[in-house]
Amino acid sequence: MFGGKIGPAEIILVLVVIILLFGAKKLPDMARSLGKSARILKSEAKAMKAESQDTAAAAPPQPGPAEEQQPGQRTIQAAPGDVTSSRPVSEPTDSAQR
């Protein structure tokens, strides 16, 4: 319809529609919150990248038989569709019942 070209008239029309929909008072607040969100996203991405590099550089050794969890402690893994995370659980030992 437009031949793939956007001219100044179309840009002005889009801006007028945006101002009519959201109002002139809300636009600066929306732009400010969008900027804050972009900064937070950028910092989180940078932190995740640094964390993955630190983890890859300092890979922990595999636990041996002496370094395994205590007999009364085990970790319950969440189901694939579950939104909760895994957590350590204390269980009663058999020695308490003897």
PDB file of N, CA and C in Angstrom:
ATOM      1  N   MET A   1       0.818  -1.182   0.000  1.00  0.00           N
ATOM      2  CA  MET A   1       0.000   0.000   0.000  1.00  0.00           C
ATOM      3  C   MET A   1       0.867   1.252   0.000  1.00  0.00           C
ATOM      4  N   PHE A   2       1.877   1.304   0.886  1.00  0.00           N
ATOM      5  CA  PHE A   2       2.769   2.456   0.934  1.00  0.00           C
ATOM      6  C   PHE A   2       4.043   2.217   0.133  1.00  0.00           C
ATOM      7  N   GLY A   3       4.194   1.038  -0.387  1.00  0.00           N
ATOM      8  CA  GLY A   3       5.391   0.724  -1.147  1.00  0.00           C
ATOM      9  C   GLY A   3       6.590   0.455  -0.255  1.00  0.00           C
ATOM     10  N   GLY A   4       6.381   0.204   1.052  1.00  0.00           N
ATOM     11  CA  GLY A   4       7.481  -0.105   1.959  1.00  0.00           C
ATOM     12  C   GLY A   4       8.238   1.113   2.457  1.00  0.00           C
ATOM     13  N   LYS A   5       7.786   2.308   2.123  1.00  0.00           N
ATOM     14  CA  LYS A   5       8.474   3.522   2.570  1.00  0.00           C
ATOM     15  C   LYS A   5       7.610   4.266   3.567  1.00  0.00           C
ATOM     16  N   ILE A   6       8.235   4.679   4.642  1.00  0.00           N
ATOM     17  CA  ILE A   6       7.530   5.460   5.652  1.00  0.00           C
ATOM     18  C   ILE A   6       8.070   6.884   5.566  1.00  0.00           C
ATOM     19  N   GLY A   7       7.188   7.792   5.306  1.00  0.00           N
ATOM     20  CA  GLY A   7       7.583   9.191   5.179  1.00  0.00           C
ATOM     21  C   GLY A   7       7.254   9.975   6.431  1.00  0.00           C
ATOM     22  N   PRO A   8       7.543  11.265   6.416  1.00  0.00           N
ATOM     23  CA  PRO A   8       7.273  12.116   7.581  1.00  0.00           C
ATOM     24  C   PRO A   8       5.784  12.215   7.910  1.00  0.00           C
ATOM     25  N   ALA A   9       4.925  12.145   6.900  1.00  0.00           N
ATOM     26  CA  ALA A   9       3.487  12.229   7.173  1.00  0.00           C
ATOM     27  C   ALA A   9       3.011  11.025   7.983  1.00  0.00           C
ATOM     28  N   GLU A  10       3.502   9.843   7.665  1.00  0.00           N
ATOM     29  CA  GLU A  10       3.103   8.645   8.410  1.00  0.00           C
ATOM     30  C   GLU A  10       3.631   8.689   9.843  1.00  0.00           C
ATOM     31  N   ILE A  11       4.850   9.158  10.024  1.00  0.00           N
ATOM     32  CA  ILE A  11       5.431   9.254  11.371  1.00  0.00           C
ATOM     33  C   ILE A  11       4.630  10.233  12.222  1.00  0.00           C
ATOM     34  N   ILE A  12       4.263  11.369  11.662  1.00  0.00           N
ATOM     35  CA  ILE A  12       3.468  12.360  12.397  1.00  0.00           C
ATOM     36  C   ILE A  12       2.105  11.768  12.755  1.00  0.00           C
ATOM     37  N   LEU A  13       1.507  11.044  11.826  1.00  0.00           N
ATOM     38  CA  LEU A  13       0.213  10.421  12.089  1.00  0.00           C
ATOM     39  C   LEU A  13       0.311   9.416  13.239  1.00  0.00           C
ATOM     40  N   VAL A  14       1.348   8.613  13.261  1.00  0.00           N
ATOM     41  CA  VAL A  14       1.544   7.634  14.338  1.00  0.00           C
ATOM     42  C   VAL A  14       1.745   8.350  15.671  1.00  0.00           C
ATOM     43  N   LEU A  15       2.525   9.415  15.706  1.00  0.00           N
ATOM     44  CA  LEU A  15       2.750  10.176  16.937  1.00  0.00           C
ATOM     45  C   LEU A  15       1.456  10.798  17.450  1.00  0.00           C
ATOM     46  N   VAL A  16       0.638  11.329  16.556  1.00  0.00           N
ATOM     47  CA  VAL A  16      -0.643  11.920  16.963  1.00  0.00           C
ATOM     48  C   VAL A  16      -1.549  10.852  17.567  1.00  0.00           C
ATOM     49  N   VAL A  17      -1.589   9.688  16.961  1.00  0.00           N
ATOM     50  CA  VAL A  17      -2.419   8.602  17.492  1.00  0.00           C
ATOM     51  C   VAL A  17      -1.923   8.174  18.869  1.00  0.00           C
ATOM     52  N   ILE A  18      -0.617   8.084  19.056  1.00  0.00           N
ATOM     53  CA  ILE A  18      -0.060   7.702  20.363  1.00  0.00           C
ATOM     54  C   ILE A  18      -0.416   8.742  21.417  1.00  0.00           C
ATOM     55  N   ILE A  19      -0.299  10.010  21.085  1.00  0.00           N
ATOM     56  CA  ILE A  19      -0.630  11.074  22.040  1.00  0.00           C
ATOM     57  C   ILE A  19      -2.114  11.025  22.384  1.00  0.00           C
ATOM     58  N   LEU A  20      -2.968  10.780  21.401  1.00  0.00           N
ATOM     59  CA  LEU A  20      -4.394  10.691  21.675  1.00  0.00           C
ATOM     60  C   LEU A  20      -4.740   9.487  22.541  1.00  0.00           C
ATOM     61  N   LEU A  21      -4.066   8.365  22.310  1.00  0.00           N
ATOM     62  CA  LEU A  21      -4.362   7.156  23.083  1.00  0.00           C
ATOM     63  C   LEU A  21      -3.883   7.257  24.526  1.00  0.00           C
ATOM     64  N   PHE A  22      -2.666   7.707  24.728  1.00  0.00           N
ATOM     65  CA  PHE A  22      -2.083   7.681  26.069  1.00  0.00           C
ATOM     66  C   PHE A  22      -2.144   9.008  26.791  1.00  0.00           C
ATOM     67  N   GLY A  23      -2.296  10.076  26.111  1.00  0.00           N
ATOM     68  CA  GLY A  23      -2.345  11.379  26.748  1.00  0.00           C
ATOM     69  C   GLY A  23      -0.947  11.946  26.916  1.00  0.00           C
ATOM     70  N   ALA A  24      -0.856  13.263  26.828  1.00  0.00           N
ATOM     71  CA  ALA A  24       0.440  13.934  26.883  1.00  0.00           C
ATOM     72  C   ALA A  24       1.079  13.832  28.265  1.00  0.00           C
ATOM     73  N   LYS A  25       0.279  13.704  29.325  1.00  0.00           N
ATOM     74  CA  LYS A  25       0.839  13.648  30.681  1.00  0.00           C
ATOM     75  C   LYS A  25       1.491  12.302  30.978  1.00  0.00           C
ATOM     76  N   LYS A  26       0.984  11.228  30.397  1.00  0.00           N
ATOM     77  CA  LYS A  26       1.508   9.899  30.701  1.00  0.00           C
ATOM     78  C   LYS A  26       2.743   9.543  29.881  1.00  0.00           C
ATOM     79  N   LEU A  27       2.947  10.193  28.754  1.00  0.00           N
ATOM     80  CA  LEU A  27       4.064   9.819  27.878  1.00  0.00           C
ATOM     81  C   LEU A  27       5.433   9.982  28.530  1.00  0.00           C
ATOM     82  N   PRO A  28       5.742  11.090  29.236  1.00  0.00           N
ATOM     83  CA  PRO A  28       7.065  11.175  29.889  1.00  0.00           C
ATOM     84  C   PRO A  28       7.269  10.099  30.954  1.00  0.00           C
ATOM     85  N   ASP A  29       6.213   9.799  31.702  1.00  0.00           N
ATOM     86  CA  ASP A  29       6.328   8.736  32.716  1.00  0.00           C
ATOM     87  C   ASP A  29       6.565   7.383  32.069  1.00  0.00           C
ATOM     88  N   MET A  30       5.889   7.132  30.960  1.00  0.00           N
ATOM     89  CA  MET A  30       6.093   5.862  30.260  1.00  0.00           C
ATOM     90  C   MET A  30       7.509   5.764  29.706  1.00  0.00           C
ATOM     91  N   ALA A  31       8.020   6.853  29.152  1.00  0.00           N
ATOM     92  CA  ALA A  31       9.388   6.843  28.620  1.00  0.00           C
ATOM     93  C   ALA A  31      10.402   6.649  29.744  1.00  0.00           C
ATOM     94  N   ARG A  32      10.157   7.267  30.890  1.00  0.00           N
ATOM     95  CA  ARG A  32      11.053   7.127  32.035  1.00  0.00           C
ATOM     96  C   ARG A  32      11.069   5.691  32.543  1.00  0.00           C
ATOM     97  N   SER A  33       9.894   5.086  32.667  1.00  0.00           N
ATOM     98  CA  SER A  33       9.839   3.696  33.156  1.00  0.00           C
ATOM     99  C   SER A  33      10.440   2.742  32.134  1.00  0.00           C
ATOM    100  N   LEU A  34      10.276   3.043  30.846  1.00  0.00           N
ATOM    101  CA  LEU A  34      10.898   2.217  29.813  1.00  0.00           C
ATOM    102  C   LEU A  34      12.421   2.296  29.905  1.00  0.00           C
ATOM    103  N   GLY A  35      12.954   3.481  30.159  1.00  0.00           N
ATOM    104  CA  GLY A  35      14.402   3.641  30.332  1.00  0.00           C
ATOM    105  C   GLY A  35      14.921   2.892  31.543  1.00  0.00           C
ATOM    106  N   LYS A  36      14.180   2.959  32.661  1.00  0.00           N
ATOM    107  CA  LYS A  36      14.579   2.223  33.865  1.00  0.00           C
ATOM    108  C   LYS A  36      14.580   0.725  33.609  1.00  0.00           C
ATOM    109  N   SER A  37      13.557   0.252  32.914  1.00  0.00           N
ATOM    110  CA  SER A  37      13.480  -1.180  32.607  1.00  0.00           C
ATOM    111  C   SER A  37      14.638  -1.622  31.729  1.00  0.00           C
ATOM    112  N   ALA A  38      14.995  -0.784  30.767  1.00  0.00           N
ATOM    113  CA  ALA A  38      16.120  -1.117  29.887  1.00  0.00           C
ATOM    114  C   ALA A  38      17.428  -1.160  30.669  1.00  0.00           C
ATOM    115  N   ARG A  39      17.622  -0.221  31.596  1.00  0.00           N
ATOM    116  CA  ARG A  39      18.845  -0.231  32.423  1.00  0.00           C
ATOM    117  C   ARG A  39      18.899  -1.455  33.315  1.00  0.00           C
ATOM    118  N   ILE A  40      17.769  -1.819  33.916  1.00  0.00           N
ATOM    119  CA  ILE A  40      17.731  -2.999  34.785  1.00  0.00           C
ATOM    120  C   ILE A  40      18.018  -4.256  33.972  1.00  0.00           C
ATOM    121  N   LEU A  41      17.418  -4.369  32.808  1.00  0.00           N
ATOM    122  CA  LEU A  41      17.657  -5.525  31.951  1.00  0.00           C
ATOM    123  C   LEU A  41      19.120  -5.625  31.556  1.00  0.00           C
ATOM    124  N   LYS A  42      19.718  -4.508  31.225  1.00  0.00           N
ATOM    125  CA  LYS A  42      21.129  -4.497  30.825  1.00  0.00           C
ATOM    126  C   LYS A  42      22.029  -4.911  31.984  1.00  0.00           C
ATOM    127  N   SER A  43      21.764  -4.386  33.181  1.00  0.00           N
ATOM    128  CA  SER A  43      22.607  -4.739  34.327  1.00  0.00           C
ATOM    129  C   SER A  43      22.441  -6.206  34.720  1.00  0.00           C
ATOM    130  N   GLU A  44      21.210  -6.725  34.646  1.00  0.00           N
ATOM    131  CA  GLU A  44      20.985  -8.134  34.964  1.00  0.00           C
ATOM    132  C   GLU A  44      21.666  -9.046  33.948  1.00  0.00           C
ATOM    133  N   ALA A  45      21.606  -8.674  32.679  1.00  0.00           N
ATOM    134  CA  ALA A  45      22.271  -9.478  31.651  1.00  0.00           C
ATOM    135  C   ALA A  45      23.775  -9.477  31.860  1.00  0.00           C
ATOM    136  N   LYS A  46      24.324  -8.325  32.241  1.00  0.00           N
ATOM    137  CA  LYS A  46      25.761  -8.234  32.497  1.00  0.00           C
ATOM    138  C   LYS A  46      26.139  -9.078  33.711  1.00  0.00           C
ATOM    139  N   ALA A  47      25.304  -9.049  34.758  1.00  0.00           N
ATOM    140  CA  ALA A  47      25.577  -9.836  35.959  1.00  0.00           C
ATOM    141  C   ALA A  47      25.504 -11.335  35.665  1.00  0.00           C
ATOM    142  N   MET A  48      24.523 -11.750  34.860  1.00  0.00           N
ATOM    143  CA  MET A  48      24.413 -13.166  34.512  1.00  0.00           C
ATOM    144  C   MET A  48      25.604 -13.617  33.686  1.00  0.00           C
ATOM    145  N   LYS A  49      26.076 -12.769  32.788  1.00  0.00           N
ATOM    146  CA  LYS A  49      27.226 -13.114  31.963  1.00  0.00           C
ATOM    147  C   LYS A  49      28.479 -13.255  32.830  1.00  0.00           C
ATOM    148  N   ALA A  50      28.673 -12.323  33.775  1.00  0.00           N
ATOM    149  CA  ALA A  50      29.827 -12.395  34.666  1.00  0.00           C
ATOM    150  C   ALA A  50      29.745 -13.625  35.565  1.00  0.00           C
ATOM    151  N   GLU A  51      28.544 -13.942  36.037  1.00  0.00           N
ATOM    152  CA  GLU A  51      28.366 -15.110  36.899  1.00  0.00           C
ATOM    153  C   GLU A  51      28.662 -16.398  36.146  1.00  0.00           C
ATOM    154  N   SER A  52      28.229 -16.484  34.902  1.00  0.00           N
ATOM    155  CA  SER A  52      28.491 -17.704  34.132  1.00  0.00           C
ATOM    156  C   SER A  52      29.977 -17.846  33.825  1.00  0.00           C
ATOM    157  N   GLN A  53      30.673 -16.726  33.618  1.00  0.00           N
ATOM    158  CA  GLN A  53      32.115 -16.792  33.382  1.00  0.00           C
ATOM    159  C   GLN A  53      32.847 -17.205  34.654  1.00  0.00           C
ATOM    160  N   ASP A  54      32.396 -16.707  35.818  1.00  0.00           N
ATOM    161  CA  ASP A  54      33.011 -17.090  37.087  1.00  0.00           C
ATOM    162  C   ASP A  54      32.776 -18.569  37.377  1.00  0.00           C
ATOM    163  N   THR A  55      31.590 -19.044  37.091  1.00  0.00           N
ATOM    164  CA  THR A  55      31.265 -20.447  37.337  1.00  0.00           C
ATOM    165  C   THR A  55      32.072 -21.364  36.434  1.00  0.00           C
ATOM    166  N   ALA A  56      32.240 -20.966  35.187  1.00  0.00           N
ATOM    167  CA  ALA A  56      33.000 -21.786  34.248  1.00  0.00           C
ATOM    168  C   ALA A  56      34.483 -21.802  34.611  1.00  0.00           C
ATOM    169  N   ALA A  57      34.999 -20.686  35.133  1.00  0.00           N
ATOM    170  CA  ALA A  57      36.413 -20.596  35.485  1.00  0.00           C
ATOM    171  C   ALA A  57      36.729 -21.414  36.738  1.00  0.00           C
ATOM    172  N   ALA A  58      35.817 -21.436  37.688  1.00  0.00           N
ATOM    173  CA  ALA A  58      36.055 -22.126  38.957  1.00  0.00           C
ATOM    174  C   ALA A  58      35.094 -23.299  39.093  1.00  0.00           C
ATOM    175  N   ALA A  59      35.250 -24.308  38.255  1.00  0.00           N
ATOM    176  CA  ALA A  59      34.390 -25.488  38.320  1.00  0.00           C
ATOM    177  C   ALA A  59      34.741 -26.287  39.568  1.00  0.00           C
ATOM    178  N   PRO A  60      33.763 -26.575  40.421  1.00  0.00           N
ATOM    179  CA  PRO A  60      34.055 -27.318  41.652  1.00  0.00           C
ATOM    180  C   PRO A  60      34.372 -28.774  41.332  1.00  0.00           C
ATOM    181  N   PRO A  61      35.225 -29.398  42.136  1.00  0.00           N
ATOM    182  CA  PRO A  61      35.529 -30.814  41.918  1.00  0.00           C
ATOM    183  C   PRO A  61      34.315 -31.676  42.248  1.00  0.00           C
ATOM    184  N   GLN A  62      34.248 -32.847  41.651  1.00  0.00           N
ATOM    185  CA  GLN A  62      33.148 -33.766  41.900  1.00  0.00           C
ATOM    186  C   GLN A  62      33.249 -34.287  43.333  1.00  0.00           C
ATOM    187  N   PRO A  63      32.127 -34.340  44.066  1.00  0.00           N
ATOM    188  CA  PRO A  63      32.186 -34.815  45.454  1.00  0.00           C
ATOM    189  C   PRO A  63      32.491 -36.299  45.520  1.00  0.00           C
ATOM    190  N   GLY A  64      33.374 -36.637  46.433  1.00  0.00           N
ATOM    191  CA  GLY A  64      33.713 -38.033  46.659  1.00  0.00           C
ATOM    192  C   GLY A  64      32.752 -38.633  47.676  1.00  0.00           C
ATOM    193  N   PRO A  65      32.970 -39.891  48.067  1.00  0.00           N
ATOM    194  CA  PRO A  65      32.071 -40.523  49.036  1.00  0.00           C
ATOM    195  C   PRO A  65      32.067 -39.817  50.390  1.00  0.00           C
ATOM    196  N   ALA A  66      33.203 -39.236  50.798  1.00  0.00           N
ATOM    197  CA  ALA A  66      33.264 -38.564  52.092  1.00  0.00           C
ATOM    198  C   ALA A  66      32.612 -37.189  52.040  1.00  0.00           C
ATOM    199  N   GLU A  67      32.452 -36.607  50.857  1.00  0.00           N
ATOM    200  CA  GLU A  67      31.917 -35.257  50.745  1.00  0.00           C
ATOM    201  C   GLU A  67      30.421 -35.232  50.402  1.00  0.00           C
ATOM    202  N   GLU A  68      29.768 -36.369  50.381  1.00  0.00           N
ATOM    203  CA  GLU A  68      28.350 -36.401  50.054  1.00  0.00           C
ATOM    204  C   GLU A  68      27.534 -35.796  51.183  1.00  0.00           C
ATOM    205  N   GLN A  69      26.237 -35.630  50.950  1.00  0.00           N
ATOM    206  CA  GLN A  69      25.362 -35.019  51.934  1.00  0.00           C
ATOM    207  C   GLN A  69      25.258 -35.896  53.169  1.00  0.00           C
ATOM    208  N   GLN A  70      24.840 -35.279  54.255  1.00  0.00           N
ATOM    209  CA  GLN A  70      24.657 -36.010  55.499  1.00  0.00           C
ATOM    210  C   GLN A  70      23.528 -37.020  55.307  1.00  0.00           C
ATOM    211  N   PRO A  71      23.553 -38.130  56.070  1.00  0.00           N
ATOM    212  CA  PRO A  71      22.539 -39.167  55.876  1.00  0.00           C
ATOM    213  C   PRO A  71      21.113 -38.666  56.107  1.00  0.00           C
ATOM    214  N   GLY A  72      20.886 -37.707  56.985  1.00  0.00           N
ATOM    215  CA  GLY A  72      19.544 -37.214  57.288  1.00  0.00           C
ATOM    216  C   GLY A  72      19.084 -36.135  56.326  1.00  0.00           C
ATOM    217  N   GLN A  73      19.934 -35.727  55.390  1.00  0.00           N
ATOM    218  CA  GLN A  73      19.583 -34.646  54.466  1.00  0.00           C
ATOM    219  C   GLN A  73      19.566 -35.168  53.035  1.00  0.00           C
ATOM    220  N   ARG A  74      18.577 -34.784  52.282  1.00  0.00           N
ATOM    221  CA  ARG A  74      18.547 -35.058  50.863  1.00  0.00           C
ATOM    222  C   ARG A  74      17.810 -33.915  50.184  1.00  0.00           C
ATOM    223  N   THR A  75      17.979 -33.780  48.900  1.00  0.00           N
ATOM    224  CA  THR A  75      17.358 -32.700  48.157  1.00  0.00           C
ATOM    225  C   THR A  75      16.231 -33.257  47.313  1.00  0.00           C
ATOM    226  N   ILE A  76      15.074 -32.610  47.411  1.00  0.00           N
ATOM    227  CA  ILE A  76      13.927 -33.005  46.605  1.00  0.00           C
ATOM    228  C   ILE A  76      13.933 -32.140  45.356  1.00  0.00           C
ATOM    229  N   GLN A  77      13.941 -32.764  44.193  1.00  0.00           N
ATOM    230  CA  GLN A  77      13.922 -32.035  42.928  1.00  0.00           C
ATOM    231  C   GLN A  77      12.482 -31.713  42.558  1.00  0.00           C
ATOM    232  N   ALA A  78      12.273 -30.520  42.017  1.00  0.00           N
ATOM    233  CA  ALA A  78      10.937 -30.113  41.597  1.00  0.00           C
ATOM    234  C   ALA A  78      10.550 -30.853  40.323  1.00  0.00           C
ATOM    235  N   ALA A  79       9.267 -31.056  40.148  1.00  0.00           N
ATOM    236  CA  ALA A  79       8.755 -31.692  38.933  1.00  0.00           C
ATOM    237  C   ALA A  79       8.988 -30.753  37.749  1.00  0.00           C
ATOM    238  N   PRO A  80       9.073 -31.270  36.522  1.00  0.00           N
ATOM    239  CA  PRO A  80       9.337 -30.419  35.363  1.00  0.00           C
ATOM    240  C   PRO A  80       8.357 -29.263  35.198  1.00  0.00           C
ATOM    241  N   GLY A  81       7.085 -29.440  35.507  1.00  0.00           N
ATOM    242  CA  GLY A  81       6.113 -28.374  35.360  1.00  0.00           C
ATOM    243  C   GLY A  81       5.902 -27.572  36.632  1.00  0.00           C
ATOM    244  N   ASP A  82       6.601 -27.938  37.707  1.00  0.00           N
ATOM    245  CA  ASP A  82       6.415 -27.289  38.995  1.00  0.00           C
ATOM    246  C   ASP A  82       7.162 -25.972  39.026  1.00  0.00           C
ATOM    247  N   VAL A  83       6.579 -24.960  39.672  1.00  0.00           N
ATOM    248  CA  VAL A  83       7.219 -23.653  39.735  1.00  0.00           C
ATOM    249  C   VAL A  83       8.067 -23.485  40.989  1.00  0.00           C
ATOM    250  N   THR A  84       7.981 -24.401  41.919  1.00  0.00           N
ATOM    251  CA  THR A  84       8.793 -24.301  43.126  1.00  0.00           C
ATOM    252  C   THR A  84      10.189 -24.830  42.859  1.00  0.00           C
ATOM    253  N   SER A  85      11.135 -24.394  43.624  1.00  0.00           N
ATOM    254  CA  SER A  85      12.506 -24.853  43.436  1.00  0.00           C
ATOM    255  C   SER A  85      12.803 -26.012  44.384  1.00  0.00           C
ATOM    256  N   SER A  86      13.927 -26.672  44.151  1.00  0.00           N
ATOM    257  CA  SER A  86      14.305 -27.777  45.025  1.00  0.00           C
ATOM    258  C   SER A  86      14.780 -27.221  46.357  1.00  0.00           C
ATOM    259  N   ARG A  87      14.641 -28.019  47.388  1.00  0.00           N
ATOM    260  CA  ARG A  87      15.018 -27.563  48.721  1.00  0.00           C
ATOM    261  C   ARG A  87      15.506 -28.751  49.539  1.00  0.00           C
ATOM    262  N   PRO A  88      16.416 -28.486  50.485  1.00  0.00           N
ATOM    263  CA  PRO A  88      16.870 -29.584  51.351  1.00  0.00           C
ATOM    264  C   PRO A  88      15.777 -29.957  52.350  1.00  0.00           C
ATOM    265  N   VAL A  89      15.694 -31.245  52.659  1.00  0.00           N
ATOM    266  CA  VAL A  89      14.664 -31.741  53.566  1.00  0.00           C
ATOM    267  C   VAL A  89      15.332 -32.619  54.615  1.00  0.00           C
ATOM    268  N   SER A  90      14.975 -32.404  55.880  1.00  0.00           N
ATOM    269  CA  SER A  90      15.492 -33.255  56.944  1.00  0.00           C
ATOM    270  C   SER A  90      14.507 -34.403  57.150  1.00  0.00           C
ATOM    271  N   GLU A  91      15.072 -35.602  57.251  1.00  0.00           N
ATOM    272  CA  GLU A  91      14.242 -36.784  57.462  1.00  0.00           C
ATOM    273  C   GLU A  91      14.704 -37.481  58.735  1.00  0.00           C
ATOM    274  N   PRO A  92      13.796 -38.120  59.436  1.00  0.00           N
ATOM    275  CA  PRO A  92      14.208 -38.850  60.642  1.00  0.00           C
ATOM    276  C   PRO A  92      15.084 -40.037  60.257  1.00  0.00           C
ATOM    277  N   THR A  93      16.059 -40.306  61.080  1.00  0.00           N
ATOM    278  CA  THR A  93      16.959 -41.443  60.807  1.00  0.00           C
ATOM    279  C   THR A  93      16.396 -42.704  61.466  1.00  0.00           C
ATOM    280  N   ASP A  94      16.855 -43.860  61.002  1.00  0.00           N
ATOM    281  CA  ASP A  94      16.413 -45.134  61.571  1.00  0.00           C
ATOM    282  C   ASP A  94      16.974 -45.336  62.975  1.00  0.00           C
ATOM    283  N   SER A  95      18.100 -44.714  63.306  1.00  0.00           N
ATOM    284  CA  SER A  95      18.727 -44.913  64.617  1.00  0.00           C
ATOM    285  C   SER A  95      17.852 -44.359  65.740  1.00  0.00           C
ATOM    286  N   ALA A  96      16.972 -43.405  65.459  1.00  0.00           N
ATOM    287  CA  ALA A  96      16.109 -42.846  66.494  1.00  0.00           C
ATOM    288  C   ALA A  96      15.020 -43.834  66.894  1.00  0.00           C
ATOM    289  N   GLN A  97      14.665 -44.767  66.010  1.00  0.00           N
ATOM    290  CA  GLN A  97      13.591 -45.706  66.315  1.00  0.00           C
ATOM    291  C   GLN A  97      14.106 -46.961  66.996  1.00  0.00           C
ATOM    292  N   ARG A  98      15.401 -47.220  67.042  1.00  0.00           N
ATOM    293  CA  ARG A  98      15.961 -48.447  67.626  1.00  0.00           C
ATOM    294  C   ARG A  98      16.071 -48.371  69.101  1.00  0.00           C
TER     295      ARG A  98
END
